[in-house]
Amino acid sequence: MIVVRAALFNVGFFGWTITMLLVCLPAMVAPPTTVRRLTALWARGVLWLARWVVGLDYRITGEMPDGGVIFAVKHQSAWDTIVFLACLKEPVYVLKQELIRIPLYGRYARLAEHIAVDRAGGASALKAMVSAAKAHLDAGRPVVIFPQGTRVVPGGTAPYHPGIYALAKETGARVVPIALNSGVFWGRRAFLKTAGTITVAVLPALEPGLDRRRFMGELEQRIETATTELEASVRQP
């Protein structure tokens, strides 16, 4: 039954995604706000499919602030890239430049003004990211960044990259850490998606004025501690 549901979900996911990509082609001449709203519609459709086909739902704990806030999110699954499109108002993602090269998807990502970063670009790429993010934050749009830069399996480790510190320091925006346990249900590159409830834990914002070492240490400690607790809570009877 799990395999059948996963297969049905994947068929529905790709069918819904292709349909939205094609139906929304006229949006390629629309303002970025329109593209972001259509993207939110697509994300809600995916979450609906996950809930009704697989039995996979989610809940958010803690207070999700509005406006120009930087959300530093734990990254375990493709699910993480979907949910914030649905539950935040016109969010802007910081994503790797390779994604922009994907046909159609990359075009929509550019139109929605997501921030593509050349990870081999050094200081100039970092400066461009900060400049683009500041414009969105000043306009009251939240920025979502995955500070580890890649999906990490539950229980796994990966370094936190300091670009998040530069972003916080140069923009002056609040940084809100987010922990989650999506990888327990929707694994990295996994065909199977299992029923359950993903928890997205919104943690207290980091204190302003921290130096780089304290900022990075506090960010990692908060996210990793909460993530470990969320993963353990799923495994317990």
Protein backbone atom coordinates (compact mmCIF):
# COMPACT_ATOMS: atom_id res chain seq x y z
CA MET A 1 0.00 0.00 0.00
CA ILE A 2 2.84 2.42 0.80
CA VAL A 3 4.39 1.78 -2.61
CA VAL A 4 1.05 2.29 -4.37
CA ARG A 5 0.41 5.56 -2.56
CA ALA A 6 3.92 6.77 -3.31
CA ALA A 7 3.46 5.91 -7.00
CA LEU A 8 0.11 7.71 -7.13
CA PHE A 9 1.61 10.73 -5.42
CA ASN A 10 4.51 10.90 -7.86
CA VAL A 11 2.16 10.65 -10.83
CA GLY A 12 0.00 13.39 -9.33
CA PHE A 13 3.01 15.53 -8.45
CA PHE A 14 4.50 15.50 -11.93
CA GLY A 15 1.10 15.84 -13.57
CA TRP A 16 0.19 18.85 -11.43
CA THR A 17 3.62 20.41 -11.91
CA ILE A 18 3.60 20.05 -15.70
CA THR A 19 0.03 21.35 -15.86
CA MET A 20 0.92 24.44 -13.84
CA LEU A 21 4.08 25.07 -15.86
CA LEU A 22 2.09 25.06 -19.08
CA VAL A 23 -1.09 26.77 -17.92
CA CYS A 24 0.91 29.57 -16.33
CA LEU A 25 2.98 30.36 -19.44
CA PRO A 26 1.13 33.68 -19.87
CA ALA A 27 2.53 34.66 -16.47
CA MET A 28 5.93 35.01 -18.10
CA VAL A 29 4.91 38.57 -18.96
CA ALA A 30 3.23 39.17 -15.59
CA PRO A 31 4.70 41.04 -12.59
CA PRO A 32 6.81 39.03 -10.11
CA THR A 33 4.01 39.23 -7.53
CA THR A 34 1.69 37.31 -9.87
CA VAL A 35 4.32 34.64 -10.46
CA ARG A 36 4.91 34.24 -6.73
CA ARG A 37 1.17 33.83 -6.12
CA LEU A 38 0.90 31.18 -8.83
CA THR A 39 3.88 29.41 -7.29
CA ALA A 40 2.07 29.42 -3.95
CA LEU A 41 -0.93 27.81 -5.65
CA TRP A 42 1.31 25.07 -7.05
CA ALA A 43 2.86 24.47 -3.62
CA ARG A 44 -0.53 24.19 -1.94
CA GLY A 45 -1.55 21.66 -4.57
CA VAL A 46 1.52 19.53 -3.83
CA LEU A 47 0.87 19.67 -0.09
CA TRP A 48 -2.76 18.70 -0.71
CA LEU A 49 -1.64 15.68 -2.75
CA ALA A 50 0.78 14.64 -0.01
CA ARG A 51 -1.96 14.88 2.62
CA TRP A 52 -4.73 13.07 0.73
CA VAL A 53 -2.74 10.52 -1.26
CA VAL A 54 0.12 9.66 1.11
CA GLY A 55 -1.35 10.78 4.43
CA LEU A 56 1.55 13.16 4.97
CA ASP A 57 0.58 16.39 6.72
CA TYR A 58 2.53 19.03 8.60
CA ARG A 59 2.24 21.35 11.55
CA ILE A 60 4.06 24.52 12.50
CA THR A 61 5.08 25.21 16.09
CA GLY A 62 6.24 28.57 17.33
CA GLU A 63 5.41 31.99 15.91
CA MET A 64 6.09 32.63 12.22
CA PRO A 65 6.82 36.36 11.98
CA ASP A 66 5.64 38.43 9.03
CA GLY A 67 7.57 40.83 6.83
CA GLY A 68 11.23 41.19 5.97
CA VAL A 69 12.72 38.36 8.00
CA ILE A 70 15.49 35.90 7.12
CA PHE A 71 14.43 32.31 7.75
CA ALA A 72 17.44 30.01 8.20
CA VAL A 73 15.99 26.57 7.54
CA LYS A 74 17.23 23.04 8.14
CA HIS A 75 17.21 21.18 4.81
CA GLN A 76 16.41 17.46 4.73
CA SER A 77 14.03 17.01 1.82
CA ALA A 78 12.59 18.49 -1.36
CA TRP A 79 9.50 19.07 0.80
CA ASP A 80 11.35 21.94 2.52
CA THR A 81 11.57 23.85 -0.75
CA ILE A 82 7.80 23.59 -1.22
CA VAL A 83 6.20 24.29 2.13
CA PHE A 84 7.42 27.87 2.65
CA LEU A 85 6.04 28.88 -0.74
CA ALA A 86 2.63 27.98 0.68
CA CYS A 87 2.82 29.23 4.26
CA LEU A 88 4.76 32.50 3.84
CA LYS A 89 3.60 35.59 1.96
CA GLU A 90 5.59 35.88 -1.29
CA PRO A 91 8.86 34.43 0.04
CA VAL A 92 12.11 34.70 -1.88
CA TYR A 93 14.46 31.73 -1.78
CA VAL A 94 18.24 31.78 -1.93
CA LEU A 95 19.04 28.88 -4.26
CA LYS A 96 21.97 27.44 -6.15
CA GLN A 97 22.53 28.76 -9.66
CA GLU A 98 22.26 25.30 -11.21
CA LEU A 99 18.51 25.28 -10.55
CA ILE A 100 18.03 28.32 -12.76
CA ARG A 101 19.21 26.27 -15.73
CA ILE A 102 16.30 23.81 -15.46
CA PRO A 103 13.93 24.41 -18.41
CA LEU A 104 10.76 26.34 -17.55
CA TYR A 105 11.33 25.97 -13.80
CA GLY A 106 14.40 28.16 -14.03
CA ARG A 107 12.48 30.76 -15.99
CA TYR A 108 9.72 30.90 -13.39
CA ALA A 109 12.30 31.11 -10.59
CA ARG A 110 13.89 34.12 -12.26
CA LEU A 111 10.51 35.76 -12.82
CA ALA A 112 9.62 35.25 -9.15
CA GLU A 113 12.94 36.94 -8.32
CA HIS A 114 14.42 34.10 -6.31
CA ILE A 115 18.09 34.71 -5.65
CA ALA A 116 20.44 32.41 -7.57
CA VAL A 117 23.93 32.11 -6.12
CA ASP A 118 27.04 30.95 -7.93
CA ARG A 119 28.70 28.95 -5.16
CA ALA A 120 32.04 29.22 -6.94
CA GLY A 121 31.67 32.97 -7.43
CA GLY A 122 33.45 34.05 -4.25
CA ALA A 123 33.09 37.55 -2.86
CA SER A 124 31.33 38.99 -5.90
CA ALA A 125 28.60 36.32 -5.73
CA LEU A 126 28.16 36.96 -2.00
CA LYS A 127 27.88 40.69 -2.58
CA ALA A 128 25.25 40.17 -5.28
CA MET A 129 23.25 37.85 -3.01
CA VAL A 130 23.28 40.36 -0.15
CA SER A 131 22.24 43.21 -2.44
CA ALA A 132 19.32 41.27 -3.93
CA ALA A 133 18.18 39.98 -0.54
CA LYS A 134 18.29 43.46 1.00
CA ALA A 135 15.97 44.81 -1.69
CA HIS A 136 13.40 42.10 -0.93
CA LEU A 137 13.72 42.42 2.83
CA ASP A 138 13.31 46.20 2.63
CA ALA A 139 10.13 45.61 0.62
CA GLY A 140 8.78 43.41 3.42
CA ARG A 141 9.29 40.04 1.74
CA PRO A 142 10.76 37.13 3.76
CA VAL A 143 13.95 35.49 2.53
CA VAL A 144 14.39 31.74 2.95
CA ILE A 145 17.92 30.33 3.02
CA PHE A 146 19.25 26.85 3.74
CA PRO A 147 22.52 27.61 5.56
CA GLN A 148 23.94 24.11 5.01
CA GLY A 149 23.44 24.53 1.28
CA THR A 150 22.34 20.95 0.67
CA ARG A 151 19.90 18.33 1.90
CA VAL A 152 21.18 16.41 4.92
CA VAL A 153 19.69 13.05 5.90
CA PRO A 154 18.26 12.69 9.43
CA GLY A 155 21.13 12.10 11.80
CA GLY A 156 23.65 13.30 9.22
CA THR A 157 25.95 16.31 9.41
CA ALA A 158 27.06 19.06 7.06
CA PRO A 159 28.77 22.38 7.76
CA TYR A 160 26.87 25.65 8.09
CA HIS A 161 28.15 28.17 5.56
CA PRO A 162 28.96 31.72 6.70
CA GLY A 163 27.02 33.40 3.90
CA ILE A 164 24.06 33.57 6.27
CA TYR A 165 26.11 35.71 8.65
CA ALA A 166 27.09 38.14 5.89
CA LEU A 167 23.45 38.34 4.86
CA ALA A 168 22.32 39.13 8.40
CA LYS A 169 25.09 41.60 9.09
CA GLU A 170 24.74 43.59 5.89
CA THR A 171 20.93 43.71 5.80
CA GLY A 172 20.27 44.12 9.52
CA ALA A 173 17.29 41.76 9.23
CA ARG A 174 16.23 39.37 11.98
CA VAL A 175 17.35 35.77 11.51
CA VAL A 176 14.80 33.16 12.57
CA PRO A 177 16.12 29.57 12.75
CA ILE A 178 13.79 26.77 11.67
CA ALA A 179 14.19 23.08 12.52
CA LEU A 180 12.16 20.27 10.96
CA ASN A 181 12.00 16.51 10.51
CA SER A 182 10.77 16.21 6.91
CA GLY A 183 13.53 13.75 5.99
CA VAL A 184 12.00 11.10 8.24
CA PHE A 185 8.92 10.98 5.97
CA TRP A 186 10.16 12.25 2.59
CA GLY A 187 13.74 11.15 2.16
CA ARG A 188 16.46 12.66 0.06
CA ARG A 189 15.99 11.26 -3.48
CA ALA A 190 13.56 8.69 -2.05
CA PHE A 191 10.67 7.28 -4.05
CA LEU A 192 8.67 6.38 -0.96
CA LYS A 193 6.88 9.01 1.06
CA THR A 194 5.36 7.80 4.31
CA ALA A 195 2.30 8.91 6.26
CA GLY A 196 2.68 11.07 9.32
CA THR A 197 2.99 14.68 10.39
CA ILE A 198 6.09 16.72 9.64
CA THR A 199 6.88 19.27 12.33
CA VAL A 200 8.27 22.66 11.39
CA ALA A 201 9.63 24.32 14.53
CA VAL A 202 10.02 28.10 14.37
CA LEU A 203 12.71 28.95 16.92
CA PRO A 204 13.42 32.28 18.63
CA ALA A 205 15.25 34.83 16.48
CA LEU A 206 18.98 35.22 17.04
CA GLU A 207 20.09 38.15 19.13
CA PRO A 208 21.33 41.13 17.08
CA GLY A 209 24.98 42.18 17.21
CA LEU A 210 26.58 38.75 17.57
CA ASP A 211 30.03 38.35 16.07
CA ARG A 212 30.51 35.77 13.33
CA ARG A 213 31.74 32.98 15.57
CA ARG A 214 28.93 33.33 18.11
CA PHE A 215 26.31 33.83 15.42
CA MET A 216 27.26 30.68 13.50
CA GLY A 217 27.65 28.63 16.67
CA GLU A 218 24.30 29.73 18.07
CA LEU A 219 22.52 29.17 14.75
CA GLU A 220 23.86 25.65 14.35
CA GLN A 221 23.29 24.70 17.97
CA ARG A 222 19.67 25.82 17.97
CA ILE A 223 18.74 24.19 14.69
CA GLU A 224 20.60 20.92 15.25
CA THR A 225 19.37 20.47 18.82
CA ALA A 226 15.75 21.05 17.87
CA THR A 227 16.05 18.88 14.73
CA THR A 228 17.46 15.97 16.74
CA GLU A 229 14.56 16.24 19.18
CA LEU A 230 12.01 16.30 16.35
CA GLU A 231 13.55 13.24 14.69
CA ALA A 232 13.59 11.35 18.00
CA SER A 233 9.94 12.20 18.70
CA VAL A 234 8.89 10.45 15.47
CA ARG A 235 10.76 7.25 16.29
CA GLN A 236 9.33 6.97 19.80
CA PRO A 237 6.08 4.96 20.20
